[in-house]
């Protein structure tokens, strides 16, 4: 019984945290994020999580759309700028961001390390 209360408490805490970190509204989306919204909105649970759970298929679809847009140096710069600008609102775990392409089996022409190191 005591274990169930702890689990329920943890679930409620995680749900409240999830609501808090996903409060990025369309009005708050940085201008550099035009076209990269699928990555921001669909991958938040993975990007802010422990990294132990794989990204959802919905997240991978959004990431694929966003990464396909990053098809030249300027677009990669915009994607990285978007992630840096949106980071304070969403509290991304940098390592999850770096691991996302591999976790979704997406080949990139650039390294996500570039986006978190600036």
PDB file of N, CA and C in Angstrom:
ATOM      1  N   UNK A   1       0.823  -1.191   0.000  1.00  0.00           N
ATOM      2  CA  UNK A   1       0.000   0.000   0.000  1.00  0.00           C
ATOM      3  C   UNK A   1       0.873   1.263   0.000  1.00  0.00           C
ATOM      4  N   UNK A   2       1.919   1.247   0.838  1.00  0.00           N
ATOM      5  CA  UNK A   2       2.796   2.415   0.912  1.00  0.00           C
ATOM      6  C   UNK A   2       3.516   2.624  -0.420  1.00  0.00           C
ATOM      7  N   UNK A   3       3.932   1.518  -1.065  1.00  0.00           N
ATOM      8  CA  UNK A   3       4.597   1.612  -2.361  1.00  0.00           C
ATOM      9  C   UNK A   3       3.688   2.193  -3.424  1.00  0.00           C
ATOM     10  N   UNK A   4       2.398   1.850  -3.373  1.00  0.00           N
ATOM     11  CA  UNK A   4       1.444   2.381  -4.339  1.00  0.00           C
ATOM     12  C   UNK A   4       1.304   3.889  -4.189  1.00  0.00           C
ATOM     13  N   UNK A   5       1.307   4.377  -2.948  1.00  0.00           N
ATOM     14  CA  UNK A   5       1.195   5.825  -2.711  1.00  0.00           C
ATOM     15  C   UNK A   5       2.411   6.549  -3.253  1.00  0.00           C
ATOM     16  N   UNK A   6       3.591   5.941  -3.068  1.00  0.00           N
ATOM     17  CA  UNK A   6       4.810   6.562  -3.594  1.00  0.00           C
ATOM     18  C   UNK A   6       4.774   6.618  -5.111  1.00  0.00           C
ATOM     19  N   UNK A   7       4.350   5.534  -5.745  1.00  0.00           N
ATOM     20  CA  UNK A   7       4.270   5.491  -7.202  1.00  0.00           C
ATOM     21  C   UNK A   7       3.252   6.509  -7.696  1.00  0.00           C
ATOM     22  N   UNK A   8       2.079   6.564  -7.066  1.00  0.00           N
ATOM     23  CA  UNK A   8       1.054   7.529  -7.465  1.00  0.00           C
ATOM     24  C   UNK A   8       1.575   8.948  -7.302  1.00  0.00           C
ATOM     25  N   UNK A   9       2.261   9.212  -6.187  1.00  0.00           N
ATOM     26  CA  UNK A   9       2.836  10.536  -5.970  1.00  0.00           C
ATOM     27  C   UNK A   9       3.846  10.888  -7.045  1.00  0.00           C
ATOM     28  N   UNK A  10       4.668   9.927  -7.417  1.00  0.00           N
ATOM     29  CA  UNK A  10       5.664  10.146  -8.455  1.00  0.00           C
ATOM     30  C   UNK A  10       4.995  10.407  -9.797  1.00  0.00           C
ATOM     31  N   UNK A  11       3.952   9.645 -10.109  1.00  0.00           N
ATOM     32  CA  UNK A  11       3.227   9.844 -11.368  1.00  0.00           C
ATOM     33  C   UNK A  11       2.632  11.250 -11.413  1.00  0.00           C
ATOM     34  N   UNK A  12       2.020  11.683 -10.322  1.00  0.00           N
ATOM     35  CA  UNK A  12       1.433  13.028 -10.270  1.00  0.00           C
ATOM     36  C   UNK A  12       2.517  14.083 -10.434  1.00  0.00           C
ATOM     37  N   UNK A  13       3.656  13.889  -9.771  1.00  0.00           N
ATOM     38  CA  UNK A  13       4.759  14.835  -9.881  1.00  0.00           C
ATOM     39  C   UNK A  13       5.268  14.911 -11.323  1.00  0.00           C
ATOM     40  N   UNK A  14       5.445  13.756 -11.944  1.00  0.00           N
ATOM     41  CA  UNK A  14       5.931  13.728 -13.330  1.00  0.00           C
ATOM     42  C   UNK A  14       4.929  14.396 -14.263  1.00  0.00           C
ATOM     43  N   UNK A  15       3.644  14.143 -14.064  1.00  0.00           N
ATOM     44  CA  UNK A  15       2.630  14.770 -14.911  1.00  0.00           C
ATOM     45  C   UNK A  15       2.643  16.283 -14.728  1.00  0.00           C
ATOM     46  N   UNK A  16       2.756  16.752 -13.488  1.00  0.00           N
ATOM     47  CA  UNK A  16       2.792  18.197 -13.239  1.00  0.00           C
ATOM     48  C   UNK A  16       4.033  18.809 -13.872  1.00  0.00           C
ATOM     49  N   UNK A  17       5.168  18.110 -13.743  1.00  0.00           N
ATOM     50  CA  UNK A  17       6.401  18.594 -14.351  1.00  0.00           C
ATOM     51  C   UNK A  17       6.249  18.636 -15.868  1.00  0.00           C
ATOM     52  N   UNK A  18       5.649  17.603 -16.424  1.00  0.00           N
ATOM     53  CA  UNK A  18       5.432  17.555 -17.873  1.00  0.00           C
ATOM     54  C   UNK A  18       4.588  18.716 -18.348  1.00  0.00           C
ATOM     55  N   UNK A  19       3.562  19.048 -17.607  1.00  0.00           N
ATOM     56  CA  UNK A  19       2.730  20.198 -17.977  1.00  0.00           C
ATOM     57  C   UNK A  19       3.522  21.484 -17.874  1.00  0.00           C
ATOM     58  N   UNK A  20       4.347  21.599 -16.848  1.00  0.00           N
ATOM     59  CA  UNK A  20       5.120  22.819 -16.647  1.00  0.00           C
ATOM     60  C   UNK A  20       6.130  23.027 -17.768  1.00  0.00           C
ATOM     61  N   UNK A  21       6.819  21.962 -18.183  1.00  0.00           N
ATOM     62  CA  UNK A  21       7.866  22.132 -19.184  1.00  0.00           C
ATOM     63  C   UNK A  21       7.326  22.193 -20.599  1.00  0.00           C
ATOM     64  N   UNK A  22       6.090  21.819 -20.789  1.00  0.00           N
ATOM     65  CA  UNK A  22       5.547  21.867 -22.146  1.00  0.00           C
ATOM     66  C   UNK A  22       4.677  23.105 -22.337  1.00  0.00           C
ATOM     67  N   UNK A  23       4.907  24.128 -21.560  1.00  0.00           N
ATOM     68  CA  UNK A  23       4.103  25.329 -21.632  1.00  0.00           C
ATOM     69  C   UNK A  23       4.602  26.301 -22.701  1.00  0.00           C
ATOM     70  N   UNK A  24       5.476  25.879 -23.539  1.00  0.00           N
ATOM     71  CA  UNK A  24       5.934  26.718 -24.632  1.00  0.00           C
ATOM     72  C   UNK A  24       4.771  26.892 -25.593  1.00  0.00           C
ATOM     73  N   UNK A  25       4.318  28.111 -25.742  1.00  0.00           N
ATOM     74  CA  UNK A  25       3.189  28.376 -26.623  1.00  0.00           C
ATOM     75  C   UNK A  25       3.704  28.808 -27.984  1.00  0.00           C
ATOM     76  N   UNK A  26       2.815  28.821 -28.940  1.00  0.00           N
ATOM     77  CA  UNK A  26       3.203  29.251 -30.291  1.00  0.00           C
ATOM     78  C   UNK A  26       3.780  30.653 -30.269  1.00  0.00           C
ATOM     79  N   UNK A  27       3.260  31.522 -29.393  1.00  0.00           N
ATOM     80  CA  UNK A  27       3.747  32.898 -29.314  1.00  0.00           C
ATOM     81  C   UNK A  27       5.171  32.959 -28.781  1.00  0.00           C
ATOM     82  N   UNK A  28       5.584  31.951 -27.991  1.00  0.00           N
ATOM     83  CA  UNK A  28       6.921  31.930 -27.408  1.00  0.00           C
ATOM     84  C   UNK A  28       7.946  31.250 -28.305  1.00  0.00           C
ATOM     85  N   UNK A  29       7.498  30.600 -29.356  1.00  0.00           N
ATOM     86  CA  UNK A  29       8.431  29.898 -30.237  1.00  0.00           C
ATOM     87  C   UNK A  29       9.331  30.939 -30.907  1.00  0.00           C
ATOM     88  N   UNK A  30      10.647  30.824 -30.693  1.00  0.00           N
ATOM     89  CA  UNK A  30      11.561  31.789 -31.302  1.00  0.00           C
ATOM     90  C   UNK A  30      11.428  31.796 -32.826  1.00  0.00           C
ATOM     91  N   UNK A  31      11.680  32.940 -33.421  1.00  0.00           N
ATOM     92  CA  UNK A  31      11.573  33.076 -34.873  1.00  0.00           C
ATOM     93  C   UNK A  31      12.470  32.085 -35.597  1.00  0.00           C
ATOM     94  N   UNK A  32      13.606  31.757 -35.006  1.00  0.00           N
ATOM     95  CA  UNK A  32      14.525  30.796 -35.626  1.00  0.00           C
ATOM     96  C   UNK A  32      13.924  29.403 -35.698  1.00  0.00           C
ATOM     97  N   UNK A  33      12.815  29.171 -34.997  1.00  0.00           N
ATOM     98  CA  UNK A  33      12.207  27.833 -34.957  1.00  0.00           C
ATOM     99  C   UNK A  33      11.151  27.611 -36.038  1.00  0.00           C
ATOM    100  N   UNK A  34      10.942  28.580 -36.912  1.00  0.00           N
ATOM    101  CA  UNK A  34       9.959  28.385 -37.984  1.00  0.00           C
ATOM    102  C   UNK A  34      10.301  27.124 -38.767  1.00  0.00           C
ATOM    103  N   UNK A  35       9.375  26.177 -38.754  1.00  0.00           N
ATOM    104  CA  UNK A  35       9.562  24.917 -39.447  1.00  0.00           C
ATOM    105  C   UNK A  35      10.114  23.814 -38.561  1.00  0.00           C
ATOM    106  N   UNK A  36      10.615  24.175 -37.400  1.00  0.00           N
ATOM    107  CA  UNK A  36      11.182  23.179 -36.486  1.00  0.00           C
ATOM    108  C   UNK A  36      10.241  22.869 -35.322  1.00  0.00           C
ATOM    109  N   UNK A  37       9.036  23.398 -35.367  1.00  0.00           N
ATOM    110  CA  UNK A  37       8.066  23.175 -34.292  1.00  0.00           C
ATOM    111  C   UNK A  37       7.770  21.690 -34.039  1.00  0.00           C
ATOM    112  N   UNK A  38       7.709  20.845 -35.076  1.00  0.00           N
ATOM    113  CA  UNK A  38       7.441  19.425 -34.796  1.00  0.00           C
ATOM    114  C   UNK A  38       8.453  18.814 -33.817  1.00  0.00           C
ATOM    115  N   UNK A  39       9.707  19.185 -33.946  1.00  0.00           N
ATOM    116  CA  UNK A  39      10.734  18.695 -33.032  1.00  0.00           C
ATOM    117  C   UNK A  39      10.466  19.214 -31.629  1.00  0.00           C
ATOM    118  N   UNK A  40      10.167  20.495 -31.514  1.00  0.00           N
ATOM    119  CA  UNK A  40       9.954  21.087 -30.196  1.00  0.00           C
ATOM    120  C   UNK A  40       8.746  20.490 -29.492  1.00  0.00           C
ATOM    121  N   UNK A  41       7.632  20.433 -30.167  1.00  0.00           N
ATOM    122  CA  UNK A  41       6.394  20.035 -29.510  1.00  0.00           C
ATOM    123  C   UNK A  41       6.243  18.517 -29.372  1.00  0.00           C
ATOM    124  N   UNK A  42       6.734  17.750 -30.309  1.00  0.00           N
ATOM    125  CA  UNK A  42       6.529  16.301 -30.285  1.00  0.00           C
ATOM    126  C   UNK A  42       7.595  15.557 -29.481  1.00  0.00           C
ATOM    127  N   UNK A  43       8.727  16.186 -29.235  1.00  0.00           N
ATOM    128  CA  UNK A  43       9.824  15.476 -28.571  1.00  0.00           C
ATOM    129  C   UNK A  43      10.114  15.964 -27.157  1.00  0.00           C
ATOM    130  N   UNK A  44       9.316  16.869 -26.640  1.00  0.00           N
ATOM    131  CA  UNK A  44       9.576  17.391 -25.301  1.00  0.00           C
ATOM    132  C   UNK A  44       9.731  16.286 -24.262  1.00  0.00           C
ATOM    133  N   UNK A  45       8.832  15.295 -24.190  1.00  0.00           N
ATOM    134  CA  UNK A  45       9.009  14.275 -23.144  1.00  0.00           C
ATOM    135  C   UNK A  45      10.367  13.576 -23.216  1.00  0.00           C
ATOM    136  N   UNK A  46      10.834  13.286 -24.419  1.00  0.00           N
ATOM    137  CA  UNK A  46      12.143  12.645 -24.564  1.00  0.00           C
ATOM    138  C   UNK A  46      13.268  13.622 -24.228  1.00  0.00           C
ATOM    139  N   UNK A  47      13.184  14.838 -24.719  1.00  0.00           N
ATOM    140  CA  UNK A  47      14.272  15.799 -24.564  1.00  0.00           C
ATOM    141  C   UNK A  47      14.463  16.258 -23.131  1.00  0.00           C
ATOM    142  N   UNK A  48      13.416  16.243 -22.323  1.00  0.00           N
ATOM    143  CA  UNK A  48      13.536  16.669 -20.928  1.00  0.00           C
ATOM    144  C   UNK A  48      13.598  15.480 -19.976  1.00  0.00           C
ATOM    145  N   UNK A  49      13.467  14.268 -20.502  1.00  0.00           N
ATOM    146  CA  UNK A  49      13.401  13.073 -19.661  1.00  0.00           C
ATOM    147  C   UNK A  49      14.756  12.559 -19.234  1.00  0.00           C
ATOM    148  N   UNK A  50      14.725  11.379 -18.654  1.00  0.00           N
ATOM    149  CA  UNK A  50      15.935  10.749 -18.124  1.00  0.00           C
ATOM    150  C   UNK A  50      16.818  10.178 -19.230  1.00  0.00           C
ATOM    151  N   UNK A  51      16.255  10.018 -20.426  1.00  0.00           N
ATOM    152  CA  UNK A  51      17.005   9.411 -21.520  1.00  0.00           C
ATOM    153  C   UNK A  51      16.946   7.891 -21.502  1.00  0.00           C
ATOM    154  N   UNK A  52      16.293   7.333 -20.489  1.00  0.00           N
ATOM    155  CA  UNK A  52      16.192   5.878 -20.387  1.00  0.00           C
ATOM    156  C   UNK A  52      15.107   5.321 -21.303  1.00  0.00           C
ATOM    157  N   UNK A  53      14.055   6.094 -21.516  1.00  0.00           N
ATOM    158  CA  UNK A  53      12.974   5.658 -22.404  1.00  0.00           C
ATOM    159  C   UNK A  53      13.254   6.160 -23.812  1.00  0.00           C
ATOM    160  N   UNK A  54      13.007   5.322 -24.808  1.00  0.00           N
ATOM    161  CA  UNK A  54      13.250   5.757 -26.187  1.00  0.00           C
ATOM    162  C   UNK A  54      12.233   6.816 -26.598  1.00  0.00           C
ATOM    163  N   UNK A  55      12.575   7.618 -27.609  1.00  0.00           N
ATOM    164  CA  UNK A  55      11.600   8.584 -28.110  1.00  0.00           C
ATOM    165  C   UNK A  55      10.416   7.854 -28.739  1.00  0.00           C
ATOM    166  N   UNK A  56       9.264   8.479 -28.708  1.00  0.00           N
ATOM    167  CA  UNK A  56       8.067   7.882 -29.295  1.00  0.00           C
ATOM    168  C   UNK A  56       8.146   7.960 -30.820  1.00  0.00           C
ATOM    169  N   UNK A  57       7.392   7.137 -31.519  1.00  0.00           N
ATOM    170  CA  UNK A  57       7.330   7.258 -32.978  1.00  0.00           C
ATOM    171  C   UNK A  57       6.865   8.659 -33.407  1.00  0.00           C
ATOM    172  N   UNK A  58       5.959   9.254 -32.641  1.00  0.00           N
ATOM    173  CA  UNK A  58       5.469  10.612 -32.928  1.00  0.00           C
ATOM    174  C   UNK A  58       6.626  11.611 -32.843  1.00  0.00           C
ATOM    175  N   UNK A  59       7.475  11.463 -31.826  1.00  0.00           N
ATOM    176  CA  UNK A  59       8.653  12.315 -31.686  1.00  0.00           C
ATOM    177  C   UNK A  59       9.588  12.114 -32.870  1.00  0.00           C
ATOM    178  N   UNK A  60       9.866  10.873 -33.214  1.00  0.00           N
ATOM    179  CA  UNK A  60      10.787  10.595 -34.327  1.00  0.00           C
ATOM    180  C   UNK A  60      10.256  11.166 -35.637  1.00  0.00           C
ATOM    181  N   UNK A  61       8.948  11.110 -35.845  1.00  0.00           N
ATOM    182  CA  UNK A  61       8.360  11.710 -37.051  1.00  0.00           C
ATOM    183  C   UNK A  61       8.615  13.216 -37.059  1.00  0.00           C
ATOM    184  N   UNK A  62       8.395  13.866 -35.915  1.00  0.00           N
ATOM    185  CA  UNK A  62       8.626  15.306 -35.813  1.00  0.00           C
ATOM    186  C   UNK A  62      10.090  15.657 -35.986  1.00  0.00           C
ATOM    187  N   UNK A  63      10.961  14.851 -35.392  1.00  0.00           N
ATOM    188  CA  UNK A  63      12.399  15.082 -35.525  1.00  0.00           C
ATOM    189  C   UNK A  63      12.827  14.921 -36.981  1.00  0.00           C
ATOM    190  N   UNK A  64      12.292  13.912 -37.657  1.00  0.00           N
ATOM    191  CA  UNK A  64      12.630  13.671 -39.062  1.00  0.00           C
ATOM    192  C   UNK A  64      12.255  14.882 -39.921  1.00  0.00           C
ATOM    193  N   UNK A  65      11.070  15.436 -39.682  1.00  0.00           N
ATOM    194  CA  UNK A  65      10.619  16.624 -40.424  1.00  0.00           C
ATOM    195  C   UNK A  65      11.568  17.795 -40.165  1.00  0.00           C
ATOM    196  N   UNK A  66      11.883  18.019 -38.896  1.00  0.00           N
ATOM    197  CA  UNK A  66      12.754  19.143 -38.534  1.00  0.00           C
ATOM    198  C   UNK A  66      14.157  18.965 -39.102  1.00  0.00           C
ATOM    199  N   UNK A  67      14.701  17.754 -38.969  1.00  0.00           N
ATOM    200  CA  UNK A  67      16.062  17.531 -39.450  1.00  0.00           C
ATOM    201  C   UNK A  67      16.150  17.594 -40.973  1.00  0.00           C
ATOM    202  N   UNK A  68      15.090  17.221 -41.675  1.00  0.00           N
ATOM    203  CA  UNK A  68      15.090  17.335 -43.140  1.00  0.00           C
ATOM    204  C   UNK A  68      15.150  18.796 -43.569  1.00  0.00           C
ATOM    205  N   UNK A  69      14.575  19.674 -42.759  1.00  0.00           N
ATOM    206  CA  UNK A  69      14.633  21.113 -43.059  1.00  0.00           C
ATOM    207  C   UNK A  69      16.050  21.659 -42.893  1.00  0.00           C
ATOM    208  N   UNK A  70      16.841  21.021 -42.029  1.00  0.00           N
ATOM    209  CA  UNK A  70      18.210  21.468 -41.771  1.00  0.00           C
ATOM    210  C   UNK A  70      19.128  20.884 -42.841  1.00  0.00           C
ATOM    211  N   UNK A  71      18.926  21.325 -44.080  1.00  0.00           N
ATOM    212  CA  UNK A  71      19.607  20.717 -45.225  1.00  0.00           C
ATOM    213  C   UNK A  71      20.715  21.580 -45.816  1.00  0.00           C
ATOM    214  N   UNK A  72      21.054  22.688 -45.151  1.00  0.00           N
ATOM    215  CA  UNK A  72      22.189  23.498 -45.576  1.00  0.00           C
ATOM    216  C   UNK A  72      22.743  24.220 -44.351  1.00  0.00           C
ATOM    217  N   UNK A  73      23.891  24.878 -44.505  1.00  0.00           N
ATOM    218  CA  UNK A  73      24.549  25.497 -43.345  1.00  0.00           C
ATOM    219  C   UNK A  73      23.654  26.508 -42.644  1.00  0.00           C
ATOM    220  N   UNK A  74      22.932  27.312 -43.395  1.00  0.00           N
ATOM    221  CA  UNK A  74      22.060  28.332 -42.793  1.00  0.00           C
ATOM    222  C   UNK A  74      20.915  27.677 -42.027  1.00  0.00           C
ATOM    223  N   UNK A  75      20.345  26.620 -42.583  1.00  0.00           N
ATOM    224  CA  UNK A  75      19.244  25.924 -41.918  1.00  0.00           C
ATOM    225  C   UNK A  75      19.729  25.220 -40.649  1.00  0.00           C
ATOM    226  N   UNK A  76      20.938  24.653 -40.680  1.00  0.00           N
ATOM    227  CA  UNK A  76      21.506  24.028 -39.482  1.00  0.00           C
ATOM    228  C   UNK A  76      21.731  25.101 -38.416  1.00  0.00           C
ATOM    229  N   UNK A  77      22.233  26.239 -38.835  1.00  0.00           N
ATOM    230  CA  UNK A  77      22.445  27.359 -37.908  1.00  0.00           C
ATOM    231  C   UNK A  77      21.109  27.769 -37.275  1.00  0.00           C
ATOM    232  N   UNK A  78      20.059  27.831 -38.080  1.00  0.00           N
ATOM    233  CA  UNK A  78      18.737  28.187 -37.561  1.00  0.00           C
ATOM    234  C   UNK A  78      18.208  27.129 -36.593  1.00  0.00           C
ATOM    235  N   UNK A  79      18.385  25.847 -36.947  1.00  0.00           N
ATOM    236  CA  UNK A  79      17.949  24.771 -36.052  1.00  0.00           C
ATOM    237  C   UNK A  79      18.675  24.876 -34.714  1.00  0.00           C
ATOM    238  N   UNK A  80      19.974  25.037 -34.757  1.00  0.00           N
ATOM    239  CA  UNK A  80      20.751  25.142 -33.517  1.00  0.00           C
ATOM    240  C   UNK A  80      20.338  26.389 -32.734  1.00  0.00           C
ATOM    241  N   UNK A  81      20.132  27.498 -33.444  1.00  0.00           N
ATOM    242  CA  UNK A  81      19.674  28.724 -32.775  1.00  0.00           C
ATOM    243  C   UNK A  81      18.319  28.519 -32.129  1.00  0.00           C
ATOM    244  N   UNK A  82      17.452  27.813 -32.819  1.00  0.00           N
ATOM    245  CA  UNK A  82      16.124  27.499 -32.281  1.00  0.00           C
ATOM    246  C   UNK A  82      16.254  26.717 -30.989  1.00  0.00           C
ATOM    247  N   UNK A  83      17.077  25.678 -31.001  1.00  0.00           N
ATOM    248  CA  UNK A  83      17.225  24.825 -29.823  1.00  0.00           C
ATOM    249  C   UNK A  83      17.843  25.589 -28.666  1.00  0.00           C
ATOM    250  N   UNK A  84      18.806  26.460 -28.951  1.00  0.00           N
ATOM    251  CA  UNK A  84      19.412  27.285 -27.902  1.00  0.00           C
ATOM    252  C   UNK A  84      18.380  28.272 -27.346  1.00  0.00           C
ATOM    253  N   UNK A  85      17.601  28.890 -28.239  1.00  0.00           N
ATOM    254  CA  UNK A  85      16.600  29.868 -27.808  1.00  0.00           C
ATOM    255  C   UNK A  85      15.442  29.237 -27.049  1.00  0.00           C
ATOM    256  N   UNK A  86      15.021  28.048 -27.466  1.00  0.00           N
ATOM    257  CA  UNK A  86      13.878  27.384 -26.831  1.00  0.00           C
ATOM    258  C   UNK A  86      14.284  26.632 -25.569  1.00  0.00           C
ATOM    259  N   UNK A  87      15.553  26.329 -25.431  1.00  0.00           N
ATOM    260  CA  UNK A  87      16.046  25.561 -24.293  1.00  0.00           C
ATOM    261  C   UNK A  87      15.608  26.069 -22.932  1.00  0.00           C
ATOM    262  N   UNK A  88      15.714  27.375 -22.671  1.00  0.00           N
ATOM    263  CA  UNK A  88      15.301  27.868 -21.351  1.00  0.00           C
ATOM    264  C   UNK A  88      13.817  27.635 -21.044  1.00  0.00           C
ATOM    265  N   UNK A  89      12.997  27.588 -22.065  1.00  0.00           N
ATOM    266  CA  UNK A  89      11.565  27.351 -21.852  1.00  0.00           C
ATOM    267  C   UNK A  89      11.275  25.882 -21.591  1.00  0.00           C
ATOM    268  N   UNK A  90      12.045  25.010 -22.221  1.00  0.00           N
ATOM    269  CA  UNK A  90      11.750  23.576 -22.165  1.00  0.00           C
ATOM    270  C   UNK A  90      12.709  22.770 -21.298  1.00  0.00           C
ATOM    271  N   UNK A  91      13.856  23.356 -20.941  1.00  0.00           N
ATOM    272  CA  UNK A  91      14.810  22.680 -20.068  1.00  0.00           C
ATOM    273  C   UNK A  91      15.271  21.336 -20.638  1.00  0.00           C
ATOM    274  N   UNK A  92      15.721  21.347 -21.894  1.00  0.00           N
ATOM    275  CA  UNK A  92      16.223  20.147 -22.544  1.00  0.00           C
ATOM    276  C   UNK A  92      17.423  19.578 -21.801  1.00  0.00           C
ATOM    277  N   UNK A  93      17.562  18.260 -21.833  1.00  0.00           N
ATOM    278  CA  UNK A  93      18.773  17.591 -21.372  1.00  0.00           C
ATOM    279  C   UNK A  93      19.678  17.522 -22.605  1.00  0.00           C
ATOM    280  N   UNK A  94      20.818  18.219 -22.593  1.00  0.00           N
ATOM    281  CA  UNK A  94      21.659  18.279 -23.796  1.00  0.00           C
ATOM    282  C   UNK A  94      22.002  16.905 -24.373  1.00  0.00           C
ATOM    283  N   UNK A  95      22.308  15.940 -23.533  1.00  0.00           N
ATOM    284  CA  UNK A  95      22.683  14.616 -24.039  1.00  0.00           C
ATOM    285  C   UNK A  95      21.522  13.951 -24.777  1.00  0.00           C
ATOM    286  N   UNK A  96      20.295  14.178 -24.332  1.00  0.00           N
ATOM    287  CA  UNK A  96      19.133  13.611 -25.028  1.00  0.00           C
ATOM    288  C   UNK A  96      19.016  14.211 -26.424  1.00  0.00           C
ATOM    289  N   UNK A  97      19.296  15.489 -26.532  1.00  0.00           N
ATOM    290  CA  UNK A  97      19.252  16.158 -27.828  1.00  0.00           C
ATOM    291  C   UNK A  97      20.295  15.559 -28.766  1.00  0.00           C
ATOM    292  N   UNK A  98      21.479  15.314 -28.248  1.00  0.00           N
ATOM    293  CA  UNK A  98      22.556  14.740 -29.058  1.00  0.00           C
ATOM    294  C   UNK A  98      22.202  13.320 -29.489  1.00  0.00           C
ATOM    295  N   UNK A  99      21.555  12.566 -28.616  1.00  0.00           N
ATOM    296  CA  UNK A  99      21.242  11.163 -28.901  1.00  0.00           C
ATOM    297  C   UNK A  99      19.979  10.981 -29.744  1.00  0.00           C
ATOM    298  N   UNK A 100      19.163  12.016 -29.869  1.00  0.00           N
ATOM    299  CA  UNK A 100      17.882  11.889 -30.567  1.00  0.00           C
ATOM    300  C   UNK A 100      18.002  11.343 -31.991  1.00  0.00           C
ATOM    301  N   UNK A 101      18.886  11.868 -32.831  1.00  0.00           N
ATOM    302  CA  UNK A 101      18.951  11.317 -34.197  1.00  0.00           C
ATOM    303  C   UNK A 101      19.227   9.815 -34.221  1.00  0.00           C
ATOM    304  N   UNK A 102      20.184   9.359 -33.429  1.00  0.00           N
ATOM    305  CA  UNK A 102      20.495   7.928 -33.404  1.00  0.00           C
ATOM    306  C   UNK A 102      19.326   7.135 -32.823  1.00  0.00           C
ATOM    307  N   UNK A 103      18.688   7.675 -31.781  1.00  0.00           N
ATOM    308  CA  UNK A 103      17.565   6.979 -31.152  1.00  0.00           C
ATOM    309  C   UNK A 103      16.399   6.823 -32.126  1.00  0.00           C
ATOM    310  N   UNK A 104      16.282   7.759 -33.072  1.00  0.00           N
ATOM    311  CA  UNK A 104      15.214   7.708 -34.084  1.00  0.00           C
ATOM    312  C   UNK A 104      15.703   7.124 -35.407  1.00  0.00           C
ATOM    313  N   UNK A 105      16.962   6.671 -35.447  1.00  0.00           N
ATOM    314  CA  UNK A 105      17.550   6.101 -36.658  1.00  0.00           C
ATOM    315  C   UNK A 105      17.508   7.103 -37.815  1.00  0.00           C
ATOM    316  N   UNK A 106      17.925   8.334 -37.516  1.00  0.00           N
ATOM    317  CA  UNK A 106      17.967   9.414 -38.511  1.00  0.00           C
ATOM    318  C   UNK A 106      19.431   9.761 -38.765  1.00  0.00           C
ATOM    319  N   UNK A 107      19.829   9.710 -40.038  1.00  0.00           N
ATOM    320  CA  UNK A 107      21.187  10.098 -40.418  1.00  0.00           C
ATOM    321  C   UNK A 107      21.230  11.607 -40.634  1.00  0.00           C
ATOM    322  N   UNK A 108      22.176  12.279 -39.982  1.00  0.00           N
ATOM    323  CA  UNK A 108      22.330  13.721 -40.153  1.00  0.00           C
ATOM    324  C   UNK A 108      23.631  14.035 -40.881  1.00  0.00           C
ATOM    325  N   UNK A 109      23.637  15.164 -41.565  1.00  0.00           N
ATOM    326  CA  UNK A 109      24.856  15.610 -42.233  1.00  0.00           C
ATOM    327  C   UNK A 109      25.681  16.508 -41.311  1.00  0.00           C
ATOM    328  N   UNK A 110      25.230  16.659 -40.061  1.00  0.00           N
ATOM    329  CA  UNK A 110      25.919  17.486 -39.078  1.00  0.00           C
ATOM    330  C   UNK A 110      25.768  16.820 -37.716  1.00  0.00           C
ATOM    331  N   UNK A 111      26.544  17.280 -36.760  1.00  0.00           N
ATOM    332  CA  UNK A 111      26.485  16.704 -35.422  1.00  0.00           C
ATOM    333  C   UNK A 111      25.607  17.571 -34.521  1.00  0.00           C
ATOM    334  N   UNK A 112      24.734  16.937 -33.763  1.00  0.00           N
ATOM    335  CA  UNK A 112      23.910  17.682 -32.815  1.00  0.00           C
ATOM    336  C   UNK A 112      24.767  18.287 -31.709  1.00  0.00           C
ATOM    337  N   UNK A 113      25.986  17.758 -31.509  1.00  0.00           N
ATOM    338  CA  UNK A 113      26.906  18.375 -30.557  1.00  0.00           C
ATOM    339  C   UNK A 113      27.117  19.844 -30.905  1.00  0.00           C
ATOM    340  N   UNK A 114      27.111  20.135 -32.189  1.00  0.00           N
ATOM    341  CA  UNK A 114      27.286  21.516 -32.661  1.00  0.00           C
ATOM    342  C   UNK A 114      26.193  22.426 -32.091  1.00  0.00           C
ATOM    343  N   UNK A 115      24.995  21.901 -31.952  1.00  0.00           N
ATOM    344  CA  UNK A 115      23.873  22.711 -31.455  1.00  0.00           C
ATOM    345  C   UNK A 115      23.959  22.983 -29.966  1.00  0.00           C
ATOM    346  N   UNK A 116      24.567  22.103 -29.210  1.00  0.00           N
ATOM    347  CA  UNK A 116      24.613  22.341 -27.776  1.00  0.00           C
ATOM    348  C   UNK A 116      25.899  23.014 -27.333  1.00  0.00           C
ATOM    349  N   UNK A 117      26.902  23.002 -28.197  1.00  0.00           N
ATOM    350  CA  UNK A 117      28.172  23.630 -27.846  1.00  0.00           C
ATOM    351  C   UNK A 117      28.284  25.040 -28.396  1.00  0.00           C
ATOM    352  N   UNK A 118      27.388  25.353 -29.350  1.00  0.00           N
ATOM    353  CA  UNK A 118      27.397  26.705 -29.912  1.00  0.00           C
ATOM    354  C   UNK A 118      28.480  26.874 -30.841  1.00  0.00           C
TER     355      UNK A 118
END
